[in-house]
Amino acid sequence: MWFFLVSDALTFGGLLVAYGYTRHTTQSAWPIGEETFDSLPFLGHGYPLMYVALMTFILIVSSVTMVLAVEAGHRMDKKGVMKWMIATIIGGFFFLGSQAWEWSHFIHGSHFGSVEILSGEHTGSRAIVKGHFGDLESFTVVQAGKHHKVGDVIKETPDELFHHFRTAVMNGQVKDGKITLHDGSVATWKKHNDEHMELIIKTDGTGHSLAKVTKIHGKDAEVKYWESVNSGKKGAIIYGADLQSNEYGPSQYGQFFFFITGFHGFHVFSGVVINILIFLGVSSGKYHKRGHYEMVEKTGLYWHFVDLVWVFVFTFFYLV
């Protein structure tokens, strides 16, 4: 077990060193954790790192419950072992579910995305956009397509309308205040006003970091943003993240995020499965008959290792 843990620690250490080296040597501005991860389920934006901190707290608490399970095993307290292992498993499932939500949110991105500035002194720069995106109300068809005729008013939920809008923007199918829908019809849109928009510019037109971050607020920000949206330029707005690009910063940032947190998540998932298997053995009385709960202790070592690794991932990826 110890040889496995040491080898696994070296693997995670290598990944974090590679992450640190890439971050240090890249010429583009690296994302800041509290700007990227600022959402809570059902509550929206404006809670920097709160959910990641909650995930971390639950994982640390699950390590405490694992200690209590091992201690109960030393006392040959079968019911105590079962009780604390159930708590540990629940904590593991909570962390995995939270990480799945975090991934989904990271991949989907914000309503604004990141924007390429197309005019003025910051031409070519890419800006992070903050604020409240006004809900879309409807599309009005001005040019017929396969399924819609001129004059049709398309009313769906704001999320469904935004999905159509986002897809069109990403494909360069929004130009001069008109959107080309999936059936080829062309429409105008009606939406609520955006609020508190702010463009945060960290790189120049060549992708190099600026010595000083520039912020554009209010109407100026709205003009710059919607100029890019209405340009019809594919890639002017980047939503969310994949392995090729992301709205938060350099492509390497997304690649490291998916690989490091995904690799750790796989370890947590493995730990939960192992805990369940050992729990079944405990509940059947197998280890009590042996006269010791050594397997619970070995499982605890692995679980503590997984928790410790997350502390380093959380520190270097989210906090620093």
Protein backbone atom coordinates (compact mmCIF):
# COMPACT_ATOMS: atom_id res chain seq x y z
CA MET A 1 0.00 0.00 0.00
CA TRP A 2 2.75 2.45 0.93
CA PHE A 3 4.65 1.79 -2.34
CA PHE A 4 1.44 2.47 -4.26
CA LEU A 5 0.74 5.68 -2.37
CA VAL A 6 4.30 6.96 -2.88
CA SER A 7 4.19 6.22 -6.62
CA ASP A 8 0.78 7.88 -6.90
CA ALA A 9 2.05 10.90 -4.96
CA LEU A 10 4.91 11.24 -7.46
CA THR A 11 2.38 11.17 -10.31
CA PHE A 12 0.30 13.95 -8.79
CA GLY A 13 3.47 15.85 -7.91
CA GLY A 14 4.60 15.69 -11.52
CA LEU A 15 1.24 16.98 -12.74
CA LEU A 16 1.29 19.91 -10.31
CA VAL A 17 4.89 20.77 -11.19
CA ALA A 18 3.96 20.71 -14.90
CA TYR A 19 0.99 22.94 -14.14
CA GLY A 20 3.17 25.40 -12.22
CA TYR A 21 5.82 25.46 -14.97
CA THR A 22 3.24 26.05 -17.69
CA ARG A 23 1.58 28.80 -15.70
CA HIS A 24 4.91 30.48 -15.03
CA THR A 25 6.16 30.34 -18.62
CA THR A 26 2.98 31.17 -20.54
CA GLN A 27 2.88 34.68 -21.95
CA SER A 28 -0.88 34.96 -21.69
CA ALA A 29 -2.72 36.05 -18.55
CA TRP A 30 -3.58 33.09 -16.31
CA PRO A 31 -7.13 32.91 -14.87
CA ILE A 32 -7.73 33.71 -11.21
CA GLY A 33 -9.65 31.13 -9.20
CA GLU A 34 -12.12 33.50 -7.58
CA GLU A 35 -13.06 34.97 -10.98
CA THR A 36 -13.57 31.58 -12.63
CA PHE A 37 -15.26 29.64 -9.84
CA ASP A 38 -17.73 32.11 -8.39
CA SER A 39 -21.04 30.26 -8.53
CA LEU A 40 -23.24 28.27 -6.18
CA PRO A 41 -25.98 25.82 -7.24
CA PHE A 42 -29.39 27.55 -7.43
CA LEU A 43 -27.89 30.90 -6.34
CA GLY A 44 -25.91 31.92 -9.43
CA HIS A 45 -22.77 34.04 -9.52
CA GLY A 46 -21.15 36.23 -6.92
CA TYR A 47 -19.79 33.62 -4.48
CA PRO A 48 -16.05 33.32 -5.23
CA LEU A 49 -14.67 29.86 -4.39
CA MET A 50 -17.47 29.23 -1.89
CA TYR A 51 -18.60 25.96 -3.45
CA VAL A 52 -15.07 24.64 -3.93
CA ALA A 53 -14.37 25.49 -0.29
CA LEU A 54 -17.49 23.56 0.74
CA MET A 55 -16.36 20.56 -1.32
CA THR A 56 -12.96 20.70 0.35
CA PHE A 57 -14.51 20.94 3.82
CA ILE A 58 -16.76 17.92 3.21
CA LEU A 59 -13.81 15.87 1.93
CA ILE A 60 -11.74 16.78 5.00
CA VAL A 61 -14.67 15.88 7.27
CA SER A 62 -14.92 12.52 5.49
CA SER A 63 -11.28 11.94 6.38
CA VAL A 64 -12.17 12.53 10.04
CA THR A 65 -15.03 10.03 9.84
CA MET A 66 -12.61 7.52 8.30
CA VAL A 67 -10.29 7.99 11.29
CA LEU A 68 -13.23 7.31 13.58
CA ALA A 69 -14.06 4.14 11.62
CA VAL A 70 -10.48 2.89 12.01
CA GLU A 71 -10.51 3.74 15.71
CA ALA A 72 -13.78 1.83 16.13
CA GLY A 73 -12.14 -1.13 14.40
CA HIS A 74 -9.32 -1.11 16.93
CA ARG A 75 -11.98 -1.46 19.64
CA MET A 76 -13.70 -4.23 17.64
CA ASP A 77 -16.83 -2.07 17.52
CA LYS A 78 -18.57 -3.37 14.41
CA LYS A 79 -21.51 -0.96 14.61
CA GLY A 80 -19.16 1.99 15.07
CA VAL A 81 -17.12 0.99 12.02
CA MET A 82 -20.27 0.70 9.93
CA LYS A 83 -21.64 4.03 11.12
CA TRP A 84 -18.49 6.00 10.35
CA MET A 85 -17.87 4.25 7.04
CA ILE A 86 -21.39 5.18 5.91
CA ALA A 87 -20.61 8.81 6.78
CA THR A 88 -17.35 8.58 4.81
CA ILE A 89 -19.13 7.14 1.77
CA ILE A 90 -21.78 9.86 1.89
CA GLY A 91 -19.03 12.51 2.00
CA GLY A 92 -17.34 10.90 -1.01
CA PHE A 93 -20.57 10.87 -3.01
CA PHE A 94 -21.19 14.52 -2.12
CA PHE A 95 -17.73 15.46 -3.37
CA LEU A 96 -18.16 13.52 -6.62
CA GLY A 97 -21.57 15.08 -7.27
CA SER A 98 -20.18 18.52 -6.54
CA GLN A 99 -17.25 17.96 -8.87
CA ALA A 100 -19.63 16.83 -11.62
CA TRP A 101 -21.58 20.07 -11.15
CA GLU A 102 -18.33 22.08 -11.17
CA TRP A 103 -17.26 20.43 -14.42
CA SER A 104 -20.67 21.04 -16.00
CA HIS A 105 -20.57 24.69 -15.00
CA PHE A 106 -16.97 25.08 -16.22
CA ILE A 107 -17.78 23.47 -19.58
CA HIS A 108 -20.99 25.46 -20.09
CA GLY A 109 -19.45 28.78 -19.06
CA SER A 110 -21.17 32.08 -18.45
CA HIS A 111 -23.96 33.76 -20.41
CA PHE A 112 -21.52 36.34 -21.76
CA GLY A 113 -18.52 34.16 -22.56
CA SER A 114 -15.24 35.93 -23.29
CA VAL A 115 -15.13 38.55 -26.02
CA GLU A 116 -12.57 39.60 -28.61
CA ILE A 117 -12.38 43.38 -28.81
CA LEU A 118 -12.76 44.39 -32.46
CA SER A 119 -12.16 48.16 -32.36
CA GLY A 120 -10.33 50.87 -30.44
CA GLU A 121 -7.03 50.80 -28.60
CA HIS A 122 -7.59 47.24 -27.34
CA THR A 123 -8.31 45.73 -30.76
CA GLY A 124 -7.45 42.03 -30.79
CA SER A 125 -7.49 41.71 -27.01
CA ARG A 126 -9.77 39.19 -25.36
CA ALA A 127 -11.81 40.25 -22.33
CA ILE A 128 -13.57 38.38 -19.55
CA VAL A 129 -17.14 39.65 -19.17
CA LYS A 130 -18.89 40.12 -15.85
CA GLY A 131 -22.43 41.29 -15.11
CA HIS A 132 -26.02 40.11 -15.52
CA PHE A 133 -27.14 38.98 -18.98
CA GLY A 134 -30.67 40.17 -19.73
CA ASP A 135 -33.07 37.31 -20.42
CA LEU A 136 -34.13 36.72 -24.01
CA GLU A 137 -37.91 37.05 -24.50
CA SER A 138 -38.53 36.01 -28.10
CA PHE A 139 -37.30 35.79 -31.69
CA THR A 140 -39.27 37.41 -34.52
CA VAL A 141 -38.72 35.86 -37.95
CA VAL A 142 -37.91 38.36 -40.72
CA GLN A 143 -36.77 35.84 -43.34
CA ALA A 144 -38.46 32.46 -43.76
CA GLY A 145 -36.69 29.15 -43.32
CA LYS A 146 -37.72 25.49 -43.44
CA HIS A 147 -39.93 25.62 -40.36
CA HIS A 148 -40.71 29.29 -39.74
CA LYS A 149 -42.38 31.90 -41.91
CA VAL A 150 -41.99 35.67 -41.85
CA GLY A 151 -43.72 37.20 -38.85
CA ASP A 152 -43.55 34.10 -36.64
CA VAL A 153 -42.77 34.95 -33.03
CA ILE A 154 -40.76 32.21 -31.32
CA LYS A 155 -41.40 32.13 -27.59
CA GLU A 156 -39.64 29.58 -25.43
CA THR A 157 -38.07 29.64 -21.99
CA PRO A 158 -35.15 32.09 -21.55
CA ASP A 159 -32.74 29.14 -21.23
CA GLU A 160 -33.99 27.55 -24.47
CA LEU A 161 -33.79 30.85 -26.36
CA PHE A 162 -30.30 31.46 -25.00
CA HIS A 163 -29.21 28.00 -26.17
CA HIS A 164 -30.22 28.92 -29.75
CA PHE A 165 -28.58 32.33 -29.39
CA ARG A 166 -25.34 30.93 -27.98
CA THR A 167 -25.06 28.31 -30.74
CA ALA A 168 -25.58 30.95 -33.42
CA VAL A 169 -23.02 33.32 -31.88
CA MET A 170 -20.40 30.57 -31.65
CA ASN A 171 -20.95 29.69 -35.32
CA GLY A 172 -20.79 33.32 -36.47
CA GLN A 173 -24.49 33.36 -37.37
CA VAL A 174 -25.40 36.57 -35.55
CA LYS A 175 -24.81 39.74 -37.52
CA ASP A 176 -26.17 43.28 -37.39
CA GLY A 177 -28.86 42.45 -34.84
CA LYS A 178 -30.14 39.37 -36.67
CA ILE A 179 -29.74 35.70 -35.88
CA THR A 180 -29.78 32.78 -38.32
CA LEU A 181 -31.65 29.90 -36.72
CA HIS A 182 -31.04 26.17 -37.24
CA ASP A 183 -33.67 25.91 -39.99
CA GLY A 184 -32.14 28.75 -41.99
CA SER A 185 -34.68 31.37 -41.00
CA VAL A 186 -33.43 34.80 -39.95
CA ALA A 187 -34.85 36.59 -36.91
CA THR A 188 -34.43 39.58 -34.67
CA TRP A 189 -34.52 39.16 -30.91
CA LYS A 190 -36.14 40.86 -27.97
CA LYS A 191 -34.41 40.77 -24.60
CA HIS A 192 -34.14 42.52 -21.27
CA ASN A 193 -31.29 44.96 -20.75
CA ASP A 194 -27.95 43.72 -19.51
CA GLU A 195 -26.92 45.00 -16.09
CA HIS A 196 -23.60 45.94 -14.49
CA MET A 197 -21.55 44.81 -17.48
CA GLU A 198 -17.79 44.94 -17.07
CA LEU A 199 -15.04 43.90 -19.49
CA ILE A 200 -11.79 42.78 -17.86
CA ILE A 201 -8.88 42.93 -20.32
CA LYS A 202 -5.72 41.08 -19.28
CA THR A 203 -3.98 40.50 -22.62
CA ASP A 204 -2.98 42.65 -25.57
CA GLY A 205 -3.80 41.96 -29.20
CA THR A 206 -0.95 39.44 -29.50
CA GLY A 207 -2.09 37.40 -26.52
CA HIS A 208 0.61 38.67 -24.15
CA SER A 209 -0.24 39.66 -20.58
CA LEU A 210 -0.79 43.34 -19.93
CA ALA A 211 1.31 44.94 -17.21
CA LYS A 212 -1.91 46.38 -15.79
CA VAL A 213 -5.42 44.94 -16.05
CA THR A 214 -7.83 47.25 -17.89
CA LYS A 215 -11.53 47.38 -17.03
CA ILE A 216 -14.33 48.85 -19.15
CA HIS A 217 -17.68 49.52 -17.48
CA GLY A 218 -21.27 50.40 -18.32
CA LYS A 219 -22.33 51.59 -21.76
CA ASP A 220 -18.79 51.44 -23.17
CA ALA A 221 -18.60 47.79 -22.17
CA GLU A 222 -21.99 47.04 -23.73
CA VAL A 223 -21.01 48.72 -27.01
CA LYS A 224 -17.76 46.73 -27.24
CA TYR A 225 -19.44 43.46 -26.34
CA TRP A 226 -22.40 43.70 -28.71
CA GLU A 227 -20.17 44.95 -31.50
CA SER A 228 -18.35 41.60 -31.31
CA VAL A 229 -21.56 39.61 -30.97
CA ASN A 230 -23.04 41.29 -34.06
CA SER A 231 -19.86 41.04 -36.11
CA GLY A 232 -20.70 37.61 -37.55
CA LYS A 233 -17.13 36.55 -36.73
CA LYS A 234 -16.84 32.95 -35.67
CA GLY A 235 -14.83 32.73 -32.45
CA ALA A 236 -15.32 36.37 -31.47
CA ILE A 237 -17.22 35.06 -28.45
CA ILE A 238 -15.97 31.92 -26.66
CA TYR A 239 -18.36 30.18 -24.30
CA GLY A 240 -17.28 27.72 -21.63
CA ALA A 241 -14.36 25.35 -22.03
CA ASP A 242 -13.11 22.32 -23.90
CA LEU A 243 -9.63 20.97 -24.63
CA GLN A 244 -9.05 23.43 -27.49
CA SER A 245 -10.18 26.73 -26.00
CA ASN A 246 -11.94 28.25 -23.03
CA GLU A 247 -13.41 31.58 -22.04
CA TYR A 248 -11.28 31.83 -18.92
CA GLY A 249 -7.76 32.02 -20.36
CA PRO A 250 -5.13 29.98 -22.25
CA SER A 251 -6.10 26.57 -23.63
CA GLN A 252 -3.55 24.93 -21.29
CA TYR A 253 -5.61 26.10 -18.32
CA GLY A 254 -8.62 24.05 -19.39
CA GLN A 255 -6.46 21.05 -20.27
CA PHE A 256 -4.81 20.99 -16.84
CA PHE A 257 -8.16 21.55 -15.12
CA PHE A 258 -9.78 18.58 -16.80
CA PHE A 259 -6.79 16.27 -16.38
CA ILE A 260 -5.79 17.06 -12.80
CA THR A 261 -9.27 17.34 -11.28
CA GLY A 262 -10.49 14.42 -13.41
CA PHE A 263 -7.57 12.23 -12.33
CA HIS A 264 -8.22 13.11 -8.70
CA GLY A 265 -11.95 12.57 -9.15
CA PHE A 266 -11.21 9.07 -10.46
CA HIS A 267 -9.25 8.41 -7.27
CA VAL A 268 -12.16 9.63 -5.14
CA PHE A 269 -14.56 7.42 -7.12
CA SER A 270 -12.22 4.44 -6.63
CA GLY A 271 -12.03 5.25 -2.92
CA VAL A 272 -15.82 5.32 -2.62
CA VAL A 273 -16.12 1.96 -4.40
CA ILE A 274 -13.44 0.43 -2.14
CA ASN A 275 -15.17 1.85 0.93
CA ILE A 276 -18.47 0.31 -0.17
CA LEU A 277 -16.84 -3.10 -0.71
CA ILE A 278 -15.11 -3.00 2.67
CA PHE A 279 -18.33 -1.81 4.29
CA LEU A 280 -20.13 -4.86 2.90
CA GLY A 281 -17.42 -7.04 4.39
CA VAL A 282 -17.79 -5.31 7.75
CA SER A 283 -21.58 -5.63 7.74
CA SER A 284 -21.33 -9.36 6.96
CA GLY A 285 -19.07 -9.83 9.97
CA LYS A 286 -16.12 -11.09 7.91
CA TYR A 287 -13.51 -8.88 9.58
CA HIS A 288 -14.98 -9.34 13.05
CA LYS A 289 -14.50 -13.09 12.66
CA ARG A 290 -10.87 -12.52 11.71
CA GLY A 291 -10.37 -10.63 14.93
CA HIS A 292 -9.13 -7.40 13.30
CA TYR A 293 -10.20 -4.63 10.92
CA GLU A 294 -6.90 -4.25 9.07
CA MET A 295 -8.65 -3.79 5.72
CA VAL A 296 -10.53 -0.81 7.11
CA GLU A 297 -7.20 0.69 8.16
CA LYS A 298 -5.69 0.12 4.70
CA THR A 299 -8.72 1.70 3.08
CA GLY A 300 -8.32 4.62 5.47
CA LEU A 301 -4.73 5.15 4.32
CA TYR A 302 -5.88 5.43 0.71
CA TRP A 303 -8.74 7.77 1.64
CA HIS A 304 -6.44 10.06 3.63
CA PHE A 305 -4.06 10.15 0.68
CA VAL A 306 -6.87 11.18 -1.68
CA ASP A 307 -7.89 13.94 0.75
CA LEU A 308 -4.32 15.17 1.13
CA VAL A 309 -3.82 15.34 -2.63
CA TRP A 310 -6.97 17.46 -2.97
CA VAL A 311 -5.58 19.95 -0.44
CA PHE A 312 -2.61 20.50 -2.78
CA VAL A 313 -4.83 20.65 -5.88
CA PHE A 314 -7.14 23.13 -4.16
CA THR A 315 -4.19 25.27 -3.02
CA PHE A 316 -2.26 25.42 -6.29
CA PHE A 317 -5.15 25.36 -8.77
CA TYR A 318 -7.82 27.42 -7.04
CA LEU A 319 -6.10 29.63 -4.46
CA VAL A 320 -2.66 30.58 -5.82
